[in-house]
Structures are given as C-alpha cells and as structure tokens.
C-alpha cells in the first residue's frame, strides 16, 4: 500500500513532534519532511514533492498563506491542508484563493485531522466541521434576509460543484466537454440565481449541498 506522503510545516517544535507521532501512527500515512517556517516549507515542498503539505498558517519568515501561494505556483500537484486556530471565514477565503484544498482547526479532534488528510489525498476538499457549521449558519441567516433563490439547472449545478472543488474553468470545460466560454456562462447564471458574487459564496452553497465533506 502506498502511503500518503506528508510534509509537516509547523513552527512550534512540541506541536510538530506531537503531529508527527500522530500521523506516523497511521498505517496509510508518513511524514517525509518537517519545516519550522514558511520559507523552509516552500523549499522542501519543491524538493520532496509530497502528496500533502500540512501547513500551519501562522509561521515566521513567510506565513502559511504566502507559502501556500508559492507552493501552488511551483508545484500545483502538491495539495495543501491549512492548519490554524482561527475560525474566521476571512482566513478561509484567503486560503482558498491561495489554492489550499482544506482547512482544519488545531483544536479539532485528531480523528478529524486524519479524516481531512485522507479526504484531501483522495482529491477532495475538506473544511473543518466547526468552520463549515459557522459558514452554513451565516449563509442561512443571509438567505433568510434575502430573496427566494431560483433552482439551478443540472449543468449549472455541475459547474458550481466543480468550482467549489477547486477546478479551473478550463478543467471544468474538459470534464463536461463544453467550451470555457460556456462554463463562464453557466457560472454567471448560477451565481446570479443564487445571488452570490464570490468564490466564498460558492463554497457556502457547496457546504449546504454537502459537497465538501466527501472523502
């Protein structure tokens, strides 16, 4: 069985050692490198080409957000699971824009971290359940104040789902066998129907549909 190869980026040595022991205890995972700051994380990601970088958001020299951006530019196939104490949706929005595939809270149970790593390794997206609940609550409250939402067509739903999962318009077009221009039209129509204007709005909608917690 091929193990999930993980680069651990965490500036606190005690926390890093604890995470290393936890991950290496899993039969399907292994830590292949460690970084104590964002700059080292970028260099090691390029050198080791891990399956996943478990990335602390708050690190010296280069923070986790900037390190994620740099890793995704240099090694787009390397997945990033952000690790933080912050529940603020602003952090989530920034990390999604940077290219992170997942977001997990340090205070969450170890079982949820393992679930998140496996979900991301399998090609999915993962948002910590506490963060997901918060976003869904915010979205539901906003929906209660706003106009009724029109239903999406099957193709609009397909496009929005793939956007939420992090695919580019070109990749979506290839998967659905339609042009990039048609993807953009479906995206615009769906966003208009849902009364959303940003990627975080798409993610919130995807959360309500249960699309981002799949393994």
Foldseek 3Di string as FASTA:
>chain_A
DAAQEEEEEAQDPVVSVVVQVLQCVDPRYHYPYYHNALVVVLVVCLVVVGQEYAAEQDGPPAGRLRSLLSNCVRRVNRAYAYEEQDLDCVVVQSNVVSPHQEYEYPPDDSVVVVLQSVQVSVLAGYYYPVSLVVLLVVLVVVCVVDDDADDADPVLVQLLLVVLRPDDLCVSCVVVVHDSVVSVVSPVVNCVRRVHDDSSSSNNVCSVVVSRSDD
